[in-house]
Amino acid sequence: MKRIIDGKIYNTETATCVAGTSARLPVNDFGWFEESLYVTKNGRWFLAGEGGPMSGYAQSVGQNQWGGGASLWTLTADEAMEWLERHEETGAIEEHFAAQVEEG
């Protein structure tokens, strides 16, 4: 997936996939989704994913009708770290945000 946002290219094929998650449902389930967090070579963060008609990736396909969809959007570094914390990606946090992590 590739998008240009504010004159910058965000491409899942050229960026580094840091972590991913999914709904752990069959692909034909309306609530199914999968998404991955990426970082570009210039250090810009983005989230890309796809899902069914009852997921956060649903798209309108008519009046009161929904279908599956896909999307890509940018994140700040703080939002990327929050996403990693929410999904318990400790190794990725230590690798990409070591300066922001301290002993409890």
N, C-alpha and C. Protein backbone atom coordinates (compact mmCIF):
# COMPACT_ATOMS: atom_id res chain seq x y z
N MET A 1 0.85 -1.16 0.00
CA MET A 1 0.00 0.00 0.00
C MET A 1 0.91 1.23 0.00
N LYS A 2 0.49 2.24 -0.73
CA LYS A 2 1.29 3.45 -0.84
C LYS A 2 0.37 4.65 -0.90
N ARG A 3 0.74 5.68 -0.14
CA ARG A 3 0.01 6.96 -0.18
C ARG A 3 1.00 8.10 -0.11
N ILE A 4 0.62 9.22 -0.68
CA ILE A 4 1.38 10.46 -0.54
C ILE A 4 0.57 11.36 0.37
N ILE A 5 1.19 11.77 1.49
CA ILE A 5 0.54 12.63 2.47
C ILE A 5 1.45 13.82 2.73
N ASP A 6 0.94 15.01 2.52
CA ASP A 6 1.73 16.24 2.69
C ASP A 6 3.04 16.20 1.91
N GLY A 7 2.99 15.66 0.69
CA GLY A 7 4.16 15.63 -0.18
C GLY A 7 5.19 14.57 0.18
N LYS A 8 4.85 13.66 1.08
CA LYS A 8 5.78 12.59 1.49
C LYS A 8 5.17 11.24 1.15
N ILE A 9 6.00 10.33 0.63
CA ILE A 9 5.53 9.00 0.24
C ILE A 9 5.64 8.05 1.44
N TYR A 10 4.54 7.37 1.71
CA TYR A 10 4.48 6.33 2.73
C TYR A 10 4.15 5.03 2.00
N ASN A 11 5.10 4.10 2.01
CA ASN A 11 4.98 2.89 1.21
C ASN A 11 5.32 1.67 2.08
N THR A 12 4.37 0.75 2.20
CA THR A 12 4.60 -0.44 3.02
C THR A 12 5.69 -1.35 2.43
N GLU A 13 5.96 -1.21 1.14
CA GLU A 13 6.98 -2.06 0.51
C GLU A 13 8.40 -1.56 0.75
N THR A 14 8.56 -0.27 1.05
CA THR A 14 9.91 0.26 1.24
C THR A 14 10.21 0.65 2.69
N ALA A 15 9.18 0.78 3.51
CA ALA A 15 9.36 1.12 4.93
C ALA A 15 9.64 -0.17 5.72
N THR A 16 10.10 -0.01 6.94
CA THR A 16 10.36 -1.15 7.83
C THR A 16 9.13 -1.43 8.67
N CYS A 17 8.66 -2.67 8.63
CA CYS A 17 7.55 -3.08 9.46
C CYS A 17 8.10 -3.35 10.87
N VAL A 18 7.61 -2.59 11.84
CA VAL A 18 8.10 -2.69 13.22
C VAL A 18 7.31 -3.72 14.01
N ALA A 19 6.00 -3.77 13.82
CA ALA A 19 5.14 -4.71 14.55
C ALA A 19 3.78 -4.76 13.87
N GLY A 20 3.05 -5.81 14.15
CA GLY A 20 1.71 -5.94 13.58
C GLY A 20 0.78 -6.65 14.54
N THR A 21 -0.51 -6.52 14.27
CA THR A 21 -1.52 -7.19 15.08
C THR A 21 -2.70 -7.55 14.17
N SER A 22 -3.55 -8.43 14.68
CA SER A 22 -4.75 -8.79 13.93
C SER A 22 -5.85 -9.17 14.91
N ALA A 23 -7.07 -9.29 14.40
CA ALA A 23 -8.22 -9.64 15.23
C ALA A 23 -8.25 -11.13 15.54
N ARG A 24 -7.39 -11.92 14.92
CA ARG A 24 -7.35 -13.37 15.11
C ARG A 24 -8.71 -14.01 14.83
N LEU A 25 -9.31 -13.56 13.77
CA LEU A 25 -10.59 -14.08 13.30
C LEU A 25 -10.38 -14.57 11.87
N PRO A 26 -11.26 -15.42 11.37
CA PRO A 26 -11.15 -15.80 9.95
C PRO A 26 -11.29 -14.57 9.06
N VAL A 27 -10.63 -14.57 7.93
CA VAL A 27 -10.65 -13.43 7.02
C VAL A 27 -12.07 -13.10 6.56
N ASN A 28 -12.94 -14.09 6.50
CA ASN A 28 -14.30 -13.83 6.05
C ASN A 28 -15.22 -13.35 7.18
N ASP A 29 -14.70 -13.20 8.40
CA ASP A 29 -15.48 -12.65 9.51
C ASP A 29 -15.58 -11.14 9.34
N PHE A 30 -16.76 -10.57 9.55
CA PHE A 30 -16.96 -9.14 9.35
C PHE A 30 -16.07 -8.28 10.25
N GLY A 31 -15.68 -8.80 11.40
CA GLY A 31 -14.85 -8.04 12.34
C GLY A 31 -13.36 -8.22 12.15
N TRP A 32 -12.96 -9.05 11.19
CA TRP A 32 -11.54 -9.32 10.95
C TRP A 32 -10.80 -8.04 10.56
N PHE A 33 -9.56 -7.93 11.06
CA PHE A 33 -8.67 -6.87 10.62
C PHE A 33 -7.23 -7.28 10.88
N GLU A 34 -6.33 -6.64 10.19
CA GLU A 34 -4.91 -6.73 10.51
C GLU A 34 -4.28 -5.39 10.20
N GLU A 35 -3.33 -5.00 11.04
CA GLU A 35 -2.66 -3.72 10.82
C GLU A 35 -1.22 -3.84 11.27
N SER A 36 -0.37 -3.02 10.68
CA SER A 36 1.05 -3.02 10.99
C SER A 36 1.55 -1.60 11.14
N LEU A 37 2.51 -1.45 12.04
CA LEU A 37 3.17 -0.18 12.28
C LEU A 37 4.48 -0.17 11.51
N TYR A 38 4.71 0.91 10.78
CA TYR A 38 5.91 1.04 9.94
C TYR A 38 6.67 2.31 10.30
N VAL A 39 7.97 2.29 9.99
CA VAL A 39 8.79 3.49 10.08
C VAL A 39 9.56 3.62 8.76
N THR A 40 9.57 4.85 8.22
CA THR A 40 10.28 5.08 6.96
C THR A 40 11.77 5.26 7.24
N LYS A 41 12.56 5.25 6.18
CA LYS A 41 14.01 5.45 6.35
C LYS A 41 14.31 6.84 6.90
N ASN A 42 13.36 7.79 6.79
CA ASN A 42 13.54 9.13 7.33
C ASN A 42 12.96 9.27 8.74
N GLY A 43 12.53 8.15 9.33
CA GLY A 43 12.04 8.17 10.70
C GLY A 43 10.60 8.59 10.88
N ARG A 44 9.82 8.57 9.80
CA ARG A 44 8.39 8.91 9.91
C ARG A 44 7.60 7.63 10.16
N TRP A 45 6.64 7.73 11.04
CA TRP A 45 5.84 6.58 11.46
C TRP A 45 4.49 6.57 10.75
N PHE A 46 4.00 5.37 10.41
CA PHE A 46 2.65 5.25 9.88
C PHE A 46 2.08 3.87 10.17
N LEU A 47 0.76 3.80 10.15
CA LEU A 47 0.02 2.58 10.41
C LEU A 47 -0.74 2.23 9.13
N ALA A 48 -0.69 0.97 8.73
CA ALA A 48 -1.40 0.52 7.54
C ALA A 48 -2.14 -0.76 7.88
N GLY A 49 -3.33 -0.89 7.34
CA GLY A 49 -4.08 -2.10 7.61
C GLY A 49 -5.28 -2.26 6.72
N GLU A 50 -5.98 -3.37 6.98
CA GLU A 50 -7.20 -3.66 6.24
C GLU A 50 -8.12 -4.46 7.14
N GLY A 51 -9.40 -4.48 6.80
CA GLY A 51 -10.34 -5.21 7.62
C GLY A 51 -11.70 -5.33 6.98
N GLY A 52 -12.55 -6.07 7.68
CA GLY A 52 -13.90 -6.35 7.20
C GLY A 52 -14.88 -5.22 7.47
N PRO A 53 -16.14 -5.42 7.11
CA PRO A 53 -17.15 -4.37 7.21
C PRO A 53 -17.55 -3.97 8.63
N MET A 54 -17.14 -4.73 9.64
CA MET A 54 -17.42 -4.34 11.03
C MET A 54 -16.12 -4.02 11.77
N SER A 55 -15.09 -3.72 11.04
CA SER A 55 -13.80 -3.34 11.63
C SER A 55 -13.61 -1.84 11.54
N GLY A 56 -12.54 -1.35 12.08
CA GLY A 56 -12.21 0.06 11.97
C GLY A 56 -11.83 0.47 10.56
N TYR A 57 -11.72 -0.49 9.65
CA TYR A 57 -11.35 -0.21 8.26
C TYR A 57 -12.55 -0.25 7.32
N ALA A 58 -13.75 -0.37 7.87
CA ALA A 58 -14.97 -0.44 7.05
C ALA A 58 -15.12 0.82 6.22
N GLN A 59 -15.69 0.65 5.04
CA GLN A 59 -15.95 1.77 4.14
C GLN A 59 -17.38 1.69 3.64
N SER A 60 -18.01 2.82 3.52
CA SER A 60 -19.38 2.88 3.01
C SER A 60 -19.40 2.46 1.54
N VAL A 61 -20.35 1.57 1.21
CA VAL A 61 -20.51 1.15 -0.18
C VAL A 61 -21.92 1.42 -0.67
N GLY A 62 -22.63 2.28 0.05
CA GLY A 62 -23.99 2.63 -0.31
C GLY A 62 -24.74 3.07 0.94
N GLN A 63 -25.98 3.44 0.76
CA GLN A 63 -26.76 3.91 1.90
C GLN A 63 -26.95 2.76 2.89
N ASN A 64 -26.44 2.97 4.12
CA ASN A 64 -26.51 1.98 5.19
C ASN A 64 -25.87 0.65 4.82
N GLN A 65 -24.87 0.68 3.95
CA GLN A 65 -24.15 -0.53 3.55
C GLN A 65 -22.66 -0.31 3.74
N TRP A 66 -22.00 -1.34 4.28
CA TRP A 66 -20.58 -1.25 4.56
C TRP A 66 -19.85 -2.45 3.97
N GLY A 67 -18.64 -2.19 3.54
CA GLY A 67 -17.77 -3.24 3.02
C GLY A 67 -16.41 -3.12 3.68
N GLY A 68 -15.59 -4.11 3.47
CA GLY A 68 -14.23 -4.07 3.99
C GLY A 68 -13.42 -3.00 3.30
N GLY A 69 -12.31 -2.65 3.89
CA GLY A 69 -11.47 -1.62 3.30
C GLY A 69 -10.05 -1.69 3.81
N ALA A 70 -9.26 -0.77 3.33
CA ALA A 70 -7.86 -0.67 3.72
C ALA A 70 -7.52 0.80 3.87
N SER A 71 -6.54 1.10 4.73
CA SER A 71 -6.17 2.49 4.94
C SER A 71 -4.73 2.59 5.43
N LEU A 72 -4.19 3.76 5.31
CA LEU A 72 -2.84 4.07 5.77
C LEU A 72 -2.88 5.49 6.31
N TRP A 73 -2.34 5.71 7.51
CA TRP A 73 -2.29 7.07 8.04
C TRP A 73 -1.03 7.25 8.87
N THR A 74 -0.63 8.50 8.98
CA THR A 74 0.62 8.84 9.68
C THR A 74 0.39 8.91 11.18
N LEU A 75 1.46 8.69 11.93
CA LEU A 75 1.46 8.81 13.38
C LEU A 75 2.66 9.64 13.81
N THR A 76 2.53 10.30 14.93
CA THR A 76 3.70 10.94 15.54
C THR A 76 4.51 9.85 16.23
N ALA A 77 5.73 10.17 16.62
CA ALA A 77 6.55 9.20 17.35
C ALA A 77 5.87 8.81 18.66
N ASP A 78 5.26 9.77 19.34
CA ASP A 78 4.55 9.47 20.59
C ASP A 78 3.38 8.52 20.35
N GLU A 79 2.63 8.74 19.28
CA GLU A 79 1.51 7.85 18.95
C GLU A 79 2.01 6.45 18.59
N ALA A 80 3.14 6.37 17.89
CA ALA A 80 3.72 5.07 17.56
C ALA A 80 4.13 4.32 18.83
N MET A 81 4.74 5.02 19.76
CA MET A 81 5.13 4.38 21.01
C MET A 81 3.90 3.93 21.79
N GLU A 82 2.86 4.74 21.83
CA GLU A 82 1.61 4.35 22.50
C GLU A 82 1.02 3.10 21.86
N TRP A 83 1.05 3.02 20.52
CA TRP A 83 0.53 1.85 19.82
C TRP A 83 1.34 0.62 20.23
N LEU A 84 2.66 0.75 20.28
CA LEU A 84 3.52 -0.38 20.67
C LEU A 84 3.25 -0.79 22.12
N GLU A 85 3.06 0.18 23.01
CA GLU A 85 2.74 -0.15 24.40
C GLU A 85 1.40 -0.87 24.50
N ARG A 86 0.41 -0.38 23.79
CA ARG A 86 -0.94 -0.97 23.82
C ARG A 86 -0.91 -2.43 23.33
N HIS A 87 0.00 -2.73 22.41
CA HIS A 87 0.09 -4.08 21.86
C HIS A 87 1.24 -4.89 22.48
N GLU A 88 1.79 -4.37 23.57
CA GLU A 88 2.82 -5.05 24.36
C GLU A 88 4.02 -5.50 23.51
N GLU A 89 4.48 -4.60 22.66
CA GLU A 89 5.64 -4.85 21.79
C GLU A 89 6.91 -4.32 22.46
N THR A 90 7.29 -4.94 23.57
CA THR A 90 8.42 -4.48 24.38
C THR A 90 9.72 -4.39 23.60
N GLY A 91 10.02 -5.41 22.81
CA GLY A 91 11.27 -5.41 22.05
C GLY A 91 11.35 -4.25 21.08
N ALA A 92 10.25 -3.96 20.40
CA ALA A 92 10.22 -2.85 19.45
C ALA A 92 10.34 -1.51 20.16
N ILE A 93 9.74 -1.40 21.34
CA ILE A 93 9.87 -0.16 22.12
C ILE A 93 11.33 0.04 22.51
N GLU A 94 11.96 -1.01 23.01
CA GLU A 94 13.37 -0.89 23.41
C GLU A 94 14.27 -0.57 22.23
N GLU A 95 13.94 -1.10 21.05
CA GLU A 95 14.76 -0.85 19.87
C GLU A 95 14.59 0.57 19.33
N HIS A 96 13.37 1.06 19.27
CA HIS A 96 13.10 2.34 18.61
C HIS A 96 12.93 3.52 19.56
N PHE A 97 12.68 3.25 20.84
CA PHE A 97 12.42 4.33 21.79
C PHE A 97 13.23 4.16 23.08
N ALA A 98 14.43 3.62 22.97
CA ALA A 98 15.26 3.33 24.14
C ALA A 98 15.49 4.57 25.00
N ALA A 99 15.64 5.73 24.38
CA ALA A 99 15.93 6.96 25.13
C ALA A 99 14.73 7.41 25.98
N GLN A 100 13.54 6.92 25.65
CA GLN A 100 12.35 7.34 26.38
C GLN A 100 11.92 6.33 27.45
N VAL A 101 12.64 5.23 27.57
CA VAL A 101 12.27 4.16 28.49
C VAL A 101 13.20 4.19 29.71
N GLU A 102 12.61 4.06 30.89
CA GLU A 102 13.42 4.02 32.11
C GLU A 102 12.90 2.92 33.02
N GLU A 103 13.72 2.54 33.98
CA GLU A 103 13.31 1.53 34.97
C GLU A 103 12.17 2.05 35.81
N GLY A 104 11.25 1.16 36.17
CA GLY A 104 10.11 1.54 37.00
C GLY A 104 10.45 1.59 38.46
